Amino acid sequence: MNASQSNGYLTRAYAHIFADNENIIREDVFITNSLELVYNAVYTYIWAIKMLIENTLKYIIMEKK
């Protein structure tokens, strides 16, 4: 399978910040790009967003809905 040069995996990545199952992230990334490097980049991106959210007070996050 050839790797796509689209950025669909990054477009969809933000939706997975609340996913507890890493396989969901892997499957979603591999829809448009089968490279392990791309999966690692998306996983790191999602992890970074989660860490930012964890350091933010819950009521501030809730107000931003």
N, C-alpha and C. Protein backbone atom coordinates (compact mmCIF):
# COMPACT_ATOMS: atom_id res chain seq x y z
N MET A 1 0.84 -1.18 0.00
CA MET A 1 0.00 0.00 0.00
C MET A 1 0.89 1.25 0.00
N ASN A 2 0.62 2.14 -0.90
CA ASN A 2 1.39 3.38 -0.96
C ASN A 2 0.88 4.38 0.06
N ALA A 3 1.78 5.11 0.64
CA ALA A 3 1.41 6.11 1.64
C ALA A 3 0.86 7.35 0.94
N SER A 4 -0.26 7.83 1.41
CA SER A 4 -0.86 9.03 0.87
C SER A 4 -0.11 10.26 1.38
N GLN A 5 -0.14 11.31 0.60
CA GLN A 5 0.47 12.55 1.03
C GLN A 5 -0.56 13.52 1.57
N SER A 6 -1.76 13.04 1.81
CA SER A 6 -2.80 13.91 2.36
C SER A 6 -2.55 14.16 3.84
N ASN A 7 -3.24 15.13 4.40
CA ASN A 7 -3.10 15.41 5.83
C ASN A 7 -4.37 15.06 6.59
N GLY A 8 -5.15 14.14 6.05
CA GLY A 8 -6.39 13.73 6.70
C GLY A 8 -6.18 13.21 8.10
N TYR A 9 -5.08 12.56 8.34
CA TYR A 9 -4.79 12.01 9.66
C TYR A 9 -4.63 13.12 10.69
N LEU A 10 -4.05 14.25 10.31
CA LEU A 10 -3.93 15.37 11.26
C LEU A 10 -5.26 16.09 11.42
N THR A 11 -6.03 16.16 10.36
CA THR A 11 -7.34 16.80 10.42
C THR A 11 -8.24 16.07 11.41
N ARG A 12 -8.17 14.76 11.43
CA ARG A 12 -9.02 13.96 12.32
C ARG A 12 -8.41 13.73 13.70
N ALA A 13 -7.15 14.03 13.89
CA ALA A 13 -6.44 13.67 15.13
C ALA A 13 -7.06 14.31 16.37
N TYR A 14 -7.45 15.55 16.26
CA TYR A 14 -7.96 16.25 17.45
C TYR A 14 -9.16 15.54 18.06
N ALA A 15 -9.95 14.91 17.24
CA ALA A 15 -11.14 14.19 17.74
C ALA A 15 -10.77 13.02 18.64
N HIS A 16 -9.54 12.57 18.58
CA HIS A 16 -9.13 11.40 19.35
C HIS A 16 -8.45 11.73 20.67
N ILE A 17 -8.46 12.99 21.08
CA ILE A 17 -7.79 13.31 22.34
C ILE A 17 -8.47 12.67 23.54
N PHE A 18 -9.73 12.28 23.38
CA PHE A 18 -10.45 11.64 24.48
C PHE A 18 -10.53 10.13 24.32
N ALA A 19 -9.90 9.59 23.30
CA ALA A 19 -9.91 8.14 23.07
C ALA A 19 -9.00 7.46 24.07
N ASP A 20 -9.49 6.38 24.65
CA ASP A 20 -8.68 5.61 25.59
C ASP A 20 -7.96 4.45 24.90
N ASN A 21 -8.41 4.12 23.71
CA ASN A 21 -7.88 2.98 23.00
C ASN A 21 -6.93 3.45 21.89
N GLU A 22 -5.67 3.12 22.02
CA GLU A 22 -4.68 3.53 21.03
C GLU A 22 -4.91 2.89 19.67
N ASN A 23 -5.59 1.75 19.64
CA ASN A 23 -5.88 1.09 18.36
C ASN A 23 -6.81 1.93 17.49
N ILE A 24 -7.70 2.67 18.12
CA ILE A 24 -8.59 3.55 17.36
C ILE A 24 -7.77 4.61 16.63
N ILE A 25 -6.81 5.17 17.31
CA ILE A 25 -5.94 6.18 16.72
C ILE A 25 -5.15 5.57 15.57
N ARG A 26 -4.58 4.40 15.79
CA ARG A 26 -3.79 3.71 14.76
C ARG A 26 -4.64 3.43 13.52
N GLU A 27 -5.82 2.87 13.72
CA GLU A 27 -6.69 2.55 12.59
C GLU A 27 -7.07 3.81 11.81
N ASP A 28 -7.36 4.88 12.53
CA ASP A 28 -7.76 6.11 11.86
C ASP A 28 -6.60 6.69 11.05
N VAL A 29 -5.40 6.69 11.59
CA VAL A 29 -4.24 7.20 10.86
C VAL A 29 -4.00 6.36 9.61
N PHE A 30 -4.10 5.06 9.74
CA PHE A 30 -3.79 4.17 8.63
C PHE A 30 -4.84 4.23 7.52
N ILE A 31 -5.96 4.91 7.74
CA ILE A 31 -6.93 5.10 6.66
C ILE A 31 -6.29 5.88 5.51
N THR A 32 -5.51 6.89 5.85
CA THR A 32 -4.92 7.73 4.81
C THR A 32 -3.41 7.60 4.69
N ASN A 33 -2.74 6.98 5.68
CA ASN A 33 -1.29 6.88 5.61
C ASN A 33 -0.84 5.68 6.43
N SER A 34 -0.14 4.77 5.79
CA SER A 34 0.26 3.53 6.46
C SER A 34 1.66 3.58 7.07
N LEU A 35 2.27 4.73 7.12
CA LEU A 35 3.61 4.84 7.68
C LEU A 35 3.58 4.92 9.20
N GLU A 36 4.43 4.14 9.84
CA GLU A 36 4.55 4.15 11.30
C GLU A 36 4.99 5.52 11.80
N LEU A 37 5.82 6.20 11.03
CA LEU A 37 6.28 7.54 11.38
C LEU A 37 5.12 8.51 11.53
N VAL A 38 4.16 8.41 10.63
CA VAL A 38 2.99 9.29 10.69
C VAL A 38 2.17 8.97 11.93
N TYR A 39 1.98 7.68 12.22
CA TYR A 39 1.26 7.30 13.43
C TYR A 39 1.95 7.87 14.66
N ASN A 40 3.26 7.76 14.73
CA ASN A 40 4.01 8.29 15.88
C ASN A 40 3.83 9.80 16.01
N ALA A 41 3.83 10.49 14.89
CA ALA A 41 3.64 11.95 14.92
C ALA A 41 2.25 12.31 15.43
N VAL A 42 1.24 11.61 14.94
CA VAL A 42 -0.14 11.89 15.38
C VAL A 42 -0.31 11.53 16.84
N TYR A 43 0.23 10.39 17.25
CA TYR A 43 0.14 9.99 18.66
C TYR A 43 0.78 11.04 19.56
N THR A 44 1.94 11.55 19.17
CA THR A 44 2.63 12.58 19.94
C THR A 44 1.80 13.86 20.00
N TYR A 45 1.20 14.24 18.88
CA TYR A 45 0.34 15.42 18.81
C TYR A 45 -0.85 15.28 19.76
N ILE A 46 -1.50 14.13 19.73
CA ILE A 46 -2.65 13.88 20.61
C ILE A 46 -2.21 13.89 22.07
N TRP A 47 -1.08 13.26 22.36
CA TRP A 47 -0.56 13.21 23.73
C TRP A 47 -0.28 14.63 24.24
N ALA A 48 0.31 15.48 23.39
CA ALA A 48 0.62 16.85 23.78
C ALA A 48 -0.65 17.63 24.10
N ILE A 49 -1.68 17.46 23.30
CA ILE A 49 -2.95 18.14 23.56
C ILE A 49 -3.55 17.66 24.87
N LYS A 50 -3.52 16.35 25.10
CA LYS A 50 -4.03 15.81 26.37
C LYS A 50 -3.29 16.40 27.56
N MET A 51 -2.00 16.52 27.45
CA MET A 51 -1.22 17.07 28.56
C MET A 51 -1.59 18.53 28.81
N LEU A 52 -1.80 19.28 27.75
CA LEU A 52 -2.22 20.68 27.92
C LEU A 52 -3.56 20.76 28.63
N ILE A 53 -4.47 19.89 28.24
CA ILE A 53 -5.80 19.89 28.86
C ILE A 53 -5.71 19.47 30.32
N GLU A 54 -4.89 18.51 30.63
CA GLU A 54 -4.77 18.05 32.01
C GLU A 54 -4.23 19.13 32.94
N ASN A 55 -3.48 20.07 32.41
CA ASN A 55 -2.94 21.15 33.23
C ASN A 55 -3.85 22.37 33.30
N THR A 56 -5.00 22.26 32.69
CA THR A 56 -5.97 23.35 32.70
C THR A 56 -7.09 22.98 33.65
N LEU A 57 -7.55 23.95 34.43
CA LEU A 57 -8.63 23.68 35.37
C LEU A 57 -9.89 23.26 34.62
N LYS A 58 -10.58 22.29 35.21
CA LYS A 58 -11.74 21.70 34.56
C LYS A 58 -12.82 22.74 34.23
N TYR A 59 -13.08 23.66 35.15
CA TYR A 59 -14.16 24.62 34.89
C TYR A 59 -13.81 25.58 33.76
N ILE A 60 -12.54 25.82 33.53
CA ILE A 60 -12.14 26.68 32.40
C ILE A 60 -12.38 25.96 31.08
N ILE A 61 -12.06 24.67 31.04
CA ILE A 61 -12.32 23.88 29.83
C ILE A 61 -13.81 23.83 29.56
N MET A 62 -14.61 23.62 30.59
CA MET A 62 -16.07 23.54 30.42
C MET A 62 -16.65 24.84 29.90
N GLU A 63 -16.10 25.97 30.30
CA GLU A 63 -16.61 27.26 29.84
C GLU A 63 -16.31 27.52 28.37
N LYS A 64 -15.33 26.85 27.82
CA LYS A 64 -14.91 27.08 26.44
C LYS A 64 -15.73 26.28 25.43
N LYS A 65 -16.75 25.55 25.87
CA LYS A 65 -17.57 24.73 24.97
C LYS A 65 -18.13 25.55 23.84
